[in-house]
Amino acid sequence: MLDSYRHQGLRKKLVDELRMKGIEDEQVLEVIGRIPRHCFIDSTFDAYAYQDKSFYIGEGQTISQPFTVAVQTVLLEVASGDKILEVGTGSGYQALTLDWLGADVFSVERQKKLYLKTKQLLTKFKSTVKIFYGDGYLGLPVYAPFDKIIVTCGAPIIPSALIEQLKIGGIMIVPLGEKKQIMTKVIKISDKDIKVTEHGDFNFVPMLSEKVR
């Protein structure tokens, strides 16, 4: 895949912009500075790939703006070797970010066309991300428990099945709300208790239940 000096220069500017917006985690910024985001969107938008904006990727879904990806990733406190469940594979950009930070990523996508397209794309990066076609509300109980869980779509509530699949002491990042979402950090204190903190307003496509046939 072509990754020109122009693309690399635009990524550097993007990283500088994210730093100015308050992202301080240098590991996260370094990975965002290496991932060729233009490969994850339609070539029509190539000239705009490194603007801090979301873009439509088909099937009613978007690739999140880089600032949102950075915020979620920082809040997730990714450590090398973490076993992470991602709900909503989408373009695969967030999943690759976690992968390049050294995490063991399991990702669920409910849109069949996106699942097939993204699975093929990530192989070009020699990614170790494992993608599954299914209902994100249900998570991946067969592979649980997870150290961390990240939800990349707006959820009306914290899905109980995902809490059950989170290790005690684990972190879940989920945008909560119907029309506008509040970025929410959930720490599982025990099998009965969680700690919830809020981290600003964001806009996501809605989290949908039921697998697409």
Protein backbone atom coordinates (compact mmCIF):
# COMPACT_ATOMS: atom_id res chain seq x y z
CA MET A 1 0.00 0.00 0.00
CA LEU A 2 1.32 3.41 -0.98
CA ASP A 3 2.39 5.53 1.98
CA SER A 4 4.03 8.59 0.47
CA TYR A 5 6.14 11.30 2.08
CA ARG A 6 3.09 13.52 1.71
CA HIS A 7 0.98 11.10 3.74
CA GLN A 8 3.69 10.88 6.39
CA GLY A 9 3.93 14.65 6.60
CA LEU A 10 0.16 14.97 7.00
CA ARG A 11 0.25 12.41 9.81
CA LYS A 12 2.89 14.43 11.61
CA LYS A 13 0.63 17.47 11.40
CA LEU A 14 -2.27 15.39 12.69
CA VAL A 15 -0.22 14.24 15.68
CA ASP A 16 0.73 17.86 16.41
CA GLU A 17 -2.96 18.80 16.27
CA LEU A 18 -3.91 15.98 18.66
CA ARG A 19 -1.19 17.08 21.05
CA MET A 20 -2.56 20.62 20.97
CA LYS A 21 -6.04 19.24 21.75
CA GLY A 22 -4.73 17.67 24.94
CA ILE A 23 -3.55 14.17 24.02
CA GLU A 24 -0.37 13.63 26.05
CA ASP A 25 0.24 9.88 25.80
CA GLU A 26 3.31 9.70 23.58
CA GLN A 27 2.91 5.99 22.85
CA VAL A 28 -0.59 6.55 21.50
CA LEU A 29 0.55 9.56 19.48
CA GLU A 30 3.48 7.59 18.06
CA VAL A 31 1.21 4.79 16.83
CA ILE A 32 -1.29 7.23 15.30
CA GLY A 33 1.68 8.85 13.62
CA ARG A 34 2.60 5.53 11.98
CA ILE A 35 -0.76 4.14 10.87
CA PRO A 36 -1.66 5.08 7.25
CA ARG A 37 -5.25 6.20 7.90
CA HIS A 38 -5.78 6.89 4.19
CA CYS A 39 -5.79 3.11 3.65
CA PHE A 40 -8.90 2.77 5.81
CA ILE A 41 -11.17 5.12 3.86
CA ASP A 42 -12.32 5.47 0.28
CA SER A 43 -9.57 6.80 -1.98
CA THR A 44 -11.92 9.67 -2.88
CA PHE A 45 -11.15 11.15 0.55
CA ASP A 46 -7.38 10.64 0.33
CA ALA A 47 -6.67 14.38 0.46
CA TYR A 48 -8.69 14.67 3.67
CA ALA A 49 -7.61 11.44 5.40
CA TYR A 50 -5.51 13.22 8.00
CA GLN A 51 -8.01 15.85 8.98
CA ASP A 52 -9.37 15.30 12.46
CA LYS A 53 -12.75 14.21 11.14
CA SER A 54 -14.85 11.07 10.87
CA PHE A 55 -15.69 9.67 7.42
CA TYR A 56 -18.44 7.42 6.12
CA ILE A 57 -17.19 3.89 5.35
CA GLY A 58 -20.44 2.28 4.18
CA GLU A 59 -23.15 0.19 5.84
CA GLY A 60 -24.23 3.18 7.93
CA GLN A 61 -20.86 3.25 9.72
CA THR A 62 -18.01 5.75 10.05
CA ILE A 63 -14.32 5.72 10.84
CA SER A 64 -13.96 7.72 14.06
CA GLN A 65 -12.07 10.99 14.06
CA PRO A 66 -8.47 10.55 15.25
CA PHE A 67 -9.09 12.60 18.40
CA THR A 68 -11.85 10.19 19.43
CA VAL A 69 -9.61 7.19 18.76
CA ALA A 70 -6.85 8.80 20.81
CA VAL A 71 -9.17 9.62 23.72
CA GLN A 72 -10.63 6.11 23.90
CA THR A 73 -7.19 4.52 23.62
CA VAL A 74 -5.68 6.70 26.34
CA LEU A 75 -8.61 6.04 28.68
CA LEU A 76 -8.24 2.30 28.06
CA GLU A 77 -4.71 2.42 29.52
CA VAL A 78 -3.40 -0.14 27.04
CA ALA A 79 -0.43 -2.21 28.17
CA SER A 80 1.53 -4.62 26.02
CA GLY A 81 -0.02 -8.08 26.23
CA ASP A 82 -3.47 -6.86 27.29
CA LYS A 83 -6.30 -9.05 26.03
CA ILE A 84 -8.78 -6.55 24.60
CA LEU A 85 -12.29 -6.97 23.23
CA GLU A 86 -13.37 -4.35 20.71
CA VAL A 87 -17.07 -4.03 19.97
CA GLY A 88 -17.51 -2.53 16.50
CA THR A 89 -14.58 -3.30 14.20
CA GLY A 90 -15.71 -0.80 11.56
CA SER A 91 -12.81 0.18 9.34
CA GLY A 92 -10.26 -1.57 11.55
CA TYR A 93 -8.36 1.65 12.35
CA GLN A 94 -8.98 1.50 16.10
CA ALA A 95 -8.23 -2.23 16.20
CA LEU A 96 -4.88 -1.72 14.47
CA THR A 97 -4.05 1.09 16.89
CA LEU A 98 -4.52 -1.32 19.80
CA ASP A 99 -2.63 -4.05 17.96
CA TRP A 100 0.37 -1.79 17.35
CA LEU A 101 0.37 -0.86 21.03
CA GLY A 102 1.05 -4.53 21.72
CA ALA A 103 -2.43 -5.70 22.73
CA ASP A 104 -4.01 -9.05 21.87
CA VAL A 105 -7.16 -7.79 20.12
CA PHE A 106 -10.46 -9.61 19.61
CA SER A 107 -12.95 -7.55 17.59
CA VAL A 108 -16.65 -8.06 16.79
CA GLU A 109 -18.44 -6.54 13.78
CA ARG A 110 -22.15 -6.99 13.05
CA GLN A 111 -22.13 -5.70 9.45
CA LYS A 112 -21.16 -8.61 7.21
CA LYS A 113 -19.74 -6.50 4.36
CA LEU A 114 -17.55 -4.49 6.72
CA TYR A 115 -16.45 -7.64 8.53
CA LEU A 116 -15.25 -9.23 5.28
CA LYS A 117 -13.66 -6.05 3.94
CA THR A 118 -11.83 -5.16 7.14
CA LYS A 119 -10.65 -8.71 7.79
CA GLN A 120 -8.97 -8.69 4.39
CA LEU A 121 -7.51 -5.20 4.87
CA LEU A 122 -5.90 -5.99 8.22
CA THR A 123 -4.08 -8.98 6.74
CA LYS A 124 -2.17 -6.49 4.55
CA PHE A 125 -0.72 -4.99 7.74
CA LYS A 126 0.21 -8.47 9.03
CA SER A 127 -2.07 -7.67 11.94
CA THR A 128 -2.74 -10.16 14.73
CA VAL A 129 -6.27 -8.78 15.32
CA LYS A 130 -8.87 -11.54 15.44
CA ILE A 131 -12.18 -10.41 13.88
CA PHE A 132 -15.53 -12.08 14.44
CA TYR A 133 -18.93 -11.57 12.82
CA GLY A 134 -21.60 -11.24 15.46
CA ASP A 135 -23.67 -9.17 17.87
CA GLY A 136 -21.48 -6.86 19.91
CA TYR A 137 -23.98 -6.72 22.76
CA LEU A 138 -23.14 -10.36 23.42
CA GLY A 139 -19.38 -9.89 23.27
CA LEU A 140 -17.25 -13.00 22.86
CA PRO A 141 -17.95 -15.17 25.93
CA VAL A 142 -15.93 -18.08 24.51
CA TYR A 143 -12.76 -15.96 24.69
CA ALA A 144 -13.53 -14.17 27.97
CA PRO A 145 -12.39 -12.86 30.34
CA PHE A 146 -10.77 -9.73 28.90
CA ASP A 147 -8.38 -7.26 30.53
CA LYS A 148 -9.99 -4.37 28.68
CA ILE A 149 -13.09 -3.76 26.54
CA ILE A 150 -13.63 -0.87 24.13
CA VAL A 151 -16.98 -0.07 22.52
CA THR A 152 -16.73 2.05 19.37
CA CYS A 153 -20.45 2.82 18.94
CA GLY A 154 -23.02 4.61 21.05
CA ALA A 155 -24.70 2.35 23.61
CA PRO A 156 -27.90 3.31 25.47
CA ILE A 157 -26.75 1.35 28.54
CA ILE A 158 -23.67 -0.49 29.74
CA PRO A 159 -24.19 -4.00 28.28
CA SER A 160 -24.32 -6.46 31.17
CA ALA A 161 -22.83 -9.26 29.07
CA LEU A 162 -19.71 -7.17 28.49
CA ILE A 163 -19.31 -6.42 32.20
CA GLU A 164 -19.48 -10.17 32.87
CA GLN A 165 -16.68 -10.75 30.34
CA LEU A 166 -14.39 -8.14 31.95
CA LYS A 167 -11.78 -9.25 34.47
CA ILE A 168 -11.96 -7.87 37.99
CA GLY A 169 -9.81 -4.75 37.88
CA GLY A 170 -10.41 -4.46 34.14
CA ILE A 171 -11.42 -1.34 32.25
CA MET A 172 -14.23 -0.78 29.76
CA ILE A 173 -14.55 2.37 27.65
CA VAL A 174 -18.05 2.90 26.25
CA PRO A 175 -19.81 5.95 24.76
CA LEU A 176 -23.17 6.09 26.57
CA GLY A 177 -26.28 7.84 25.26
CA GLU A 178 -28.86 7.90 22.49
CA LYS A 179 -28.39 11.08 20.38
CA LYS A 180 -25.15 12.32 21.94
CA GLN A 181 -22.81 10.11 23.92
CA ILE A 182 -20.78 10.65 27.06
CA MET A 183 -17.44 8.87 26.98
CA THR A 184 -17.64 6.59 30.00
CA LYS A 185 -14.92 4.66 31.79
CA VAL A 186 -16.02 1.60 33.73
CA ILE A 187 -13.69 -0.18 36.15
CA LYS A 188 -14.84 -3.56 37.43
CA ILE A 189 -14.18 -3.48 41.16
CA SER A 190 -15.72 -6.87 41.92
CA ASP A 191 -18.33 -9.23 40.51
CA LYS A 192 -20.98 -6.93 42.00
CA ASP A 193 -19.41 -3.47 41.88
CA ILE A 194 -18.19 -1.11 39.17
CA LYS A 195 -16.74 2.39 39.25
CA VAL A 196 -18.00 4.76 36.54
CA THR A 197 -16.44 8.08 35.46
CA GLU A 198 -17.40 10.43 32.60
CA HIS A 199 -14.99 12.00 30.12
CA GLY A 200 -16.80 14.40 27.81
CA ASP A 201 -19.36 14.48 25.01
CA PHE A 202 -18.86 12.68 21.69
CA ASN A 203 -20.90 11.57 18.69
CA PHE A 204 -21.02 7.93 17.57
CA VAL A 205 -23.18 5.81 15.32
CA PRO A 206 -25.59 3.72 17.45
CA MET A 207 -24.78 0.29 18.79
CA LEU A 208 -27.21 -2.18 17.21
CA SER A 209 -28.37 -5.54 18.47
CA GLU A 210 -29.19 -8.62 16.44
CA LYS A 211 -26.79 -10.01 13.88
CA VAL A 212 -27.30 -8.94 10.27
CA ARG A 213 -28.16 -11.93 8.12
